Amino acid sequence: MRVSPSGNNVQVTQPVFLRAMMNRELSTAAPINAIGVYGLVSFLHGGERLDLHTFCAVSLALLCLLWPRRLEWEVMFKEFSAKYPGVPSNPWQPEPSA
């Protein structure tokens, strides 16, 4: 268990952990996608085709570089499963319920 900022105990289970992990990834992906959207908007407001292609290429390159790989997800699961028994150690094969 861990203590939340309000002082309440929070049970860390697999759904709670998955939600926190996805929020972390979305907070990385949203600003990167905004770069591509900025290129589209500048193209639609009279920019050149190069604006669209450049901004979208930068956005795609950053997504490819910064998006988590399978190994990173497995390491996160193993770390959290050692701390919290409600999180399985292998995200790809759920543990059978007892």
N, C-alpha and C. Protein backbone atom coordinates (compact mmCIF):
# COMPACT_ATOMS: atom_id res chain seq x y z
N MET A 1 0.83 -1.19 0.00
CA MET A 1 0.00 0.00 0.00
C MET A 1 0.87 1.24 0.00
N ARG A 2 0.30 2.30 -0.49
CA ARG A 2 0.97 3.58 -0.43
C ARG A 2 -0.03 4.61 0.07
N VAL A 3 0.47 5.73 0.49
CA VAL A 3 -0.39 6.78 1.02
C VAL A 3 -0.52 7.87 -0.03
N SER A 4 -1.75 8.25 -0.32
CA SER A 4 -2.00 9.32 -1.28
C SER A 4 -1.77 10.67 -0.61
N PRO A 5 -1.66 11.75 -1.39
CA PRO A 5 -1.45 13.08 -0.80
C PRO A 5 -2.53 13.50 0.18
N SER A 6 -3.75 12.97 0.01
CA SER A 6 -4.82 13.35 0.92
C SER A 6 -4.76 12.56 2.22
N GLY A 7 -3.84 11.58 2.31
CA GLY A 7 -3.71 10.82 3.54
C GLY A 7 -4.46 9.50 3.52
N ASN A 8 -5.21 9.21 2.45
CA ASN A 8 -5.94 7.95 2.36
C ASN A 8 -5.03 6.86 1.84
N ASN A 9 -5.25 5.64 2.31
CA ASN A 9 -4.50 4.50 1.79
C ASN A 9 -5.07 4.11 0.43
N VAL A 10 -4.19 3.86 -0.53
CA VAL A 10 -4.60 3.48 -1.87
C VAL A 10 -4.06 2.08 -2.14
N GLN A 11 -4.94 1.16 -2.50
CA GLN A 11 -4.53 -0.19 -2.85
C GLN A 11 -4.04 -0.20 -4.29
N VAL A 12 -2.79 -0.59 -4.51
CA VAL A 12 -2.23 -0.63 -5.86
C VAL A 12 -2.51 -2.01 -6.44
N THR A 13 -3.37 -2.04 -7.43
CA THR A 13 -3.71 -3.28 -8.12
C THR A 13 -3.34 -3.13 -9.59
N GLN A 14 -3.54 -4.18 -10.35
CA GLN A 14 -3.19 -4.13 -11.77
C GLN A 14 -3.93 -3.01 -12.51
N PRO A 15 -5.26 -2.84 -12.35
CA PRO A 15 -5.93 -1.74 -13.07
C PRO A 15 -5.41 -0.36 -12.68
N VAL A 16 -5.10 -0.16 -11.41
CA VAL A 16 -4.56 1.14 -10.97
C VAL A 16 -3.19 1.37 -11.59
N PHE A 17 -2.37 0.34 -11.60
CA PHE A 17 -1.03 0.45 -12.18
C PHE A 17 -1.10 0.70 -13.68
N LEU A 18 -1.98 -0.01 -14.39
CA LEU A 18 -2.12 0.18 -15.83
C LEU A 18 -2.60 1.58 -16.17
N ARG A 19 -3.53 2.10 -15.38
CA ARG A 19 -4.02 3.46 -15.61
C ARG A 19 -2.89 4.47 -15.44
N ALA A 20 -2.08 4.29 -14.41
CA ALA A 20 -0.96 5.22 -14.17
C ALA A 20 0.08 5.12 -15.29
N MET A 21 0.32 3.90 -15.76
CA MET A 21 1.28 3.71 -16.85
C MET A 21 0.80 4.36 -18.14
N MET A 22 -0.47 4.20 -18.45
CA MET A 22 -1.01 4.79 -19.68
C MET A 22 -1.03 6.32 -19.59
N ASN A 23 -1.33 6.86 -18.41
CA ASN A 23 -1.28 8.31 -18.25
C ASN A 23 0.12 8.84 -18.50
N ARG A 24 1.12 8.09 -18.06
CA ARG A 24 2.50 8.50 -18.29
C ARG A 24 2.83 8.51 -19.78
N GLU A 25 2.38 7.50 -20.50
CA GLU A 25 2.66 7.42 -21.93
C GLU A 25 1.89 8.48 -22.70
N LEU A 26 0.66 8.75 -22.28
CA LEU A 26 -0.13 9.78 -22.97
C LEU A 26 0.44 11.16 -22.73
N SER A 27 1.01 11.39 -21.56
CA SER A 27 1.62 12.70 -21.32
C SER A 27 2.88 12.88 -22.16
N THR A 28 3.46 11.79 -22.65
CA THR A 28 4.59 11.88 -23.59
C THR A 28 4.07 12.06 -25.01
N ALA A 29 3.03 11.32 -25.38
CA ALA A 29 2.54 11.32 -26.76
C ALA A 29 1.79 12.60 -27.13
N ALA A 30 1.07 13.18 -26.21
CA ALA A 30 0.24 14.35 -26.54
C ALA A 30 1.07 15.54 -27.04
N PRO A 31 2.13 15.95 -26.35
CA PRO A 31 2.91 17.07 -26.89
C PRO A 31 3.59 16.75 -28.22
N ILE A 32 3.99 15.49 -28.39
CA ILE A 32 4.64 15.10 -29.65
C ILE A 32 3.64 15.17 -30.80
N ASN A 33 2.42 14.70 -30.57
CA ASN A 33 1.40 14.77 -31.60
C ASN A 33 1.01 16.21 -31.90
N ALA A 34 1.12 17.08 -30.92
CA ALA A 34 0.79 18.49 -31.14
C ALA A 34 1.73 19.11 -32.18
N ILE A 35 2.95 18.61 -32.27
CA ILE A 35 3.89 19.11 -33.28
C ILE A 35 3.33 18.85 -34.68
N GLY A 36 2.84 17.63 -34.92
CA GLY A 36 2.25 17.30 -36.22
C GLY A 36 1.00 18.10 -36.51
N VAL A 37 0.18 18.31 -35.49
CA VAL A 37 -1.04 19.11 -35.66
C VAL A 37 -0.68 20.56 -35.99
N TYR A 38 0.37 21.07 -35.35
CA TYR A 38 0.82 22.43 -35.64
C TYR A 38 1.24 22.55 -37.11
N GLY A 39 1.91 21.54 -37.63
CA GLY A 39 2.28 21.55 -39.05
C GLY A 39 1.07 21.54 -39.96
N LEU A 40 0.06 20.76 -39.60
CA LEU A 40 -1.18 20.72 -40.39
C LEU A 40 -1.88 22.07 -40.37
N VAL A 41 -1.97 22.67 -39.20
CA VAL A 41 -2.65 23.97 -39.08
C VAL A 41 -1.90 25.05 -39.85
N SER A 42 -0.59 25.05 -39.75
CA SER A 42 0.17 26.07 -40.49
C SER A 42 0.05 25.85 -42.00
N PHE A 43 -0.06 24.61 -42.44
CA PHE A 43 -0.27 24.31 -43.86
C PHE A 43 -1.65 24.79 -44.31
N LEU A 44 -2.66 24.56 -43.49
CA LEU A 44 -4.02 24.97 -43.85
C LEU A 44 -4.18 26.48 -43.85
N HIS A 45 -3.38 27.20 -43.09
CA HIS A 45 -3.46 28.66 -43.04
C HIS A 45 -2.52 29.31 -44.05
N GLY A 46 -2.24 28.64 -45.13
CA GLY A 46 -1.47 29.25 -46.20
C GLY A 46 0.00 28.93 -46.18
N GLY A 47 0.39 27.96 -45.37
CA GLY A 47 1.79 27.57 -45.37
C GLY A 47 2.12 26.72 -46.59
N GLU A 48 3.33 26.29 -46.63
CA GLU A 48 3.74 25.46 -47.74
C GLU A 48 3.67 23.99 -47.36
N ARG A 49 3.75 23.14 -48.37
CA ARG A 49 3.71 21.71 -48.13
C ARG A 49 4.86 21.25 -47.25
N LEU A 50 5.96 21.94 -47.35
CA LEU A 50 7.13 21.59 -46.56
C LEU A 50 6.83 21.72 -45.06
N ASP A 51 6.00 22.70 -44.69
CA ASP A 51 5.60 22.85 -43.28
C ASP A 51 4.93 21.56 -42.79
N LEU A 52 3.96 21.10 -43.56
CA LEU A 52 3.22 19.90 -43.17
C LEU A 52 4.14 18.69 -43.06
N HIS A 53 4.95 18.47 -44.08
CA HIS A 53 5.81 17.29 -44.09
C HIS A 53 6.90 17.35 -43.02
N THR A 54 7.46 18.51 -42.81
CA THR A 54 8.53 18.64 -41.81
C THR A 54 8.01 18.41 -40.40
N PHE A 55 6.92 19.09 -40.05
CA PHE A 55 6.39 18.94 -38.70
C PHE A 55 5.89 17.51 -38.45
N CYS A 56 5.25 16.92 -39.43
CA CYS A 56 4.75 15.54 -39.26
C CYS A 56 5.90 14.55 -39.18
N ALA A 57 6.97 14.78 -39.95
CA ALA A 57 8.13 13.88 -39.88
C ALA A 57 8.82 13.99 -38.52
N VAL A 58 8.94 15.19 -38.00
CA VAL A 58 9.54 15.37 -36.67
C VAL A 58 8.69 14.68 -35.62
N SER A 59 7.38 14.85 -35.72
CA SER A 59 6.47 14.21 -34.77
C SER A 59 6.58 12.69 -34.83
N LEU A 60 6.60 12.13 -36.01
CA LEU A 60 6.70 10.69 -36.18
C LEU A 60 8.04 10.17 -35.66
N ALA A 61 9.12 10.89 -35.95
CA ALA A 61 10.44 10.47 -35.46
C ALA A 61 10.50 10.47 -33.94
N LEU A 62 9.95 11.51 -33.31
CA LEU A 62 9.94 11.56 -31.85
C LEU A 62 9.08 10.45 -31.25
N LEU A 63 7.95 10.14 -31.86
CA LEU A 63 7.13 9.04 -31.37
C LEU A 63 7.88 7.72 -31.46
N CYS A 64 8.58 7.50 -32.56
CA CYS A 64 9.34 6.25 -32.71
C CYS A 64 10.48 6.16 -31.69
N LEU A 65 11.09 7.28 -31.37
CA LEU A 65 12.20 7.27 -30.42
C LEU A 65 11.76 7.19 -28.97
N LEU A 66 10.65 7.83 -28.62
CA LEU A 66 10.26 7.96 -27.22
C LEU A 66 9.17 6.99 -26.76
N TRP A 67 8.49 6.32 -27.67
CA TRP A 67 7.43 5.40 -27.26
C TRP A 67 8.07 4.20 -26.58
N PRO A 68 7.51 3.74 -25.46
CA PRO A 68 8.16 2.66 -24.71
C PRO A 68 8.18 1.34 -25.48
N ARG A 69 9.22 0.61 -25.29
CA ARG A 69 9.36 -0.70 -25.91
C ARG A 69 8.85 -1.76 -24.94
N ARG A 70 8.65 -2.94 -25.44
CA ARG A 70 8.13 -4.04 -24.63
C ARG A 70 9.02 -4.30 -23.41
N LEU A 71 10.33 -4.24 -23.59
CA LEU A 71 11.25 -4.50 -22.50
C LEU A 71 11.07 -3.49 -21.37
N GLU A 72 10.84 -2.22 -21.72
CA GLU A 72 10.62 -1.19 -20.70
C GLU A 72 9.35 -1.47 -19.89
N TRP A 73 8.29 -1.93 -20.57
CA TRP A 73 7.05 -2.25 -19.87
C TRP A 73 7.26 -3.43 -18.93
N GLU A 74 8.01 -4.44 -19.39
CA GLU A 74 8.25 -5.61 -18.55
C GLU A 74 9.07 -5.25 -17.32
N VAL A 75 10.06 -4.37 -17.48
CA VAL A 75 10.87 -3.93 -16.34
C VAL A 75 10.00 -3.18 -15.34
N MET A 76 9.10 -2.30 -15.83
CA MET A 76 8.20 -1.58 -14.92
C MET A 76 7.30 -2.54 -14.16
N PHE A 77 6.76 -3.54 -14.85
CA PHE A 77 5.90 -4.52 -14.19
C PHE A 77 6.67 -5.28 -13.12
N LYS A 78 7.90 -5.70 -13.42
CA LYS A 78 8.68 -6.46 -12.44
C LYS A 78 9.00 -5.62 -11.21
N GLU A 79 9.33 -4.34 -11.42
CA GLU A 79 9.63 -3.46 -10.29
C GLU A 79 8.40 -3.28 -9.40
N PHE A 80 7.24 -3.04 -10.02
CA PHE A 80 6.04 -2.82 -9.23
C PHE A 80 5.50 -4.10 -8.61
N SER A 81 5.72 -5.25 -9.25
CA SER A 81 5.23 -6.50 -8.66
C SER A 81 6.03 -6.84 -7.41
N ALA A 82 7.30 -6.41 -7.34
CA ALA A 82 8.09 -6.64 -6.14
C ALA A 82 7.58 -5.77 -4.98
N LYS A 83 7.10 -4.56 -5.30
CA LYS A 83 6.62 -3.65 -4.26
C LYS A 83 5.17 -3.92 -3.87
N TYR A 84 4.33 -4.23 -4.85
CA TYR A 84 2.90 -4.36 -4.62
C TYR A 84 2.42 -5.74 -5.10
N PRO A 85 1.88 -6.55 -4.21
CA PRO A 85 1.47 -7.90 -4.60
C PRO A 85 0.29 -7.94 -5.56
N GLY A 86 -0.46 -6.87 -5.71
CA GLY A 86 -1.62 -6.86 -6.61
C GLY A 86 -1.25 -6.69 -8.08
N VAL A 87 0.03 -6.44 -8.37
CA VAL A 87 0.47 -6.24 -9.74
C VAL A 87 1.23 -7.49 -10.18
N PRO A 88 0.83 -8.13 -11.30
CA PRO A 88 1.54 -9.33 -11.74
C PRO A 88 2.92 -8.99 -12.29
N SER A 89 3.83 -9.96 -12.22
CA SER A 89 5.20 -9.71 -12.70
C SER A 89 5.31 -9.81 -14.21
N ASN A 90 4.38 -10.52 -14.86
CA ASN A 90 4.40 -10.67 -16.31
C ASN A 90 3.12 -10.08 -16.89
N PRO A 91 3.20 -8.95 -17.61
CA PRO A 91 1.98 -8.31 -18.11
C PRO A 91 1.32 -9.08 -19.24
N TRP A 92 2.05 -9.97 -19.89
CA TRP A 92 1.53 -10.65 -21.08
C TRP A 92 0.81 -11.95 -20.73
N GLN A 93 1.10 -12.51 -19.56
CA GLN A 93 0.43 -13.73 -19.10
C GLN A 93 -0.08 -13.49 -17.70
N PRO A 94 -1.37 -13.14 -17.56
CA PRO A 94 -1.89 -12.87 -16.23
C PRO A 94 -1.80 -14.10 -15.34
N GLU A 95 -1.50 -13.83 -14.07
CA GLU A 95 -1.41 -14.92 -13.10
C GLU A 95 -2.80 -15.45 -12.81
N PRO A 96 -2.94 -16.77 -12.66
CA PRO A 96 -4.27 -17.33 -12.35
C PRO A 96 -4.73 -16.87 -10.97
N SER A 97 -6.00 -16.57 -10.88
CA SER A 97 -6.53 -16.11 -9.59
C SER A 97 -6.68 -17.30 -8.65
N ALA A 98 -6.36 -17.08 -7.41
CA ALA A 98 -6.39 -18.17 -6.41
C ALA A 98 -7.76 -18.32 -5.82
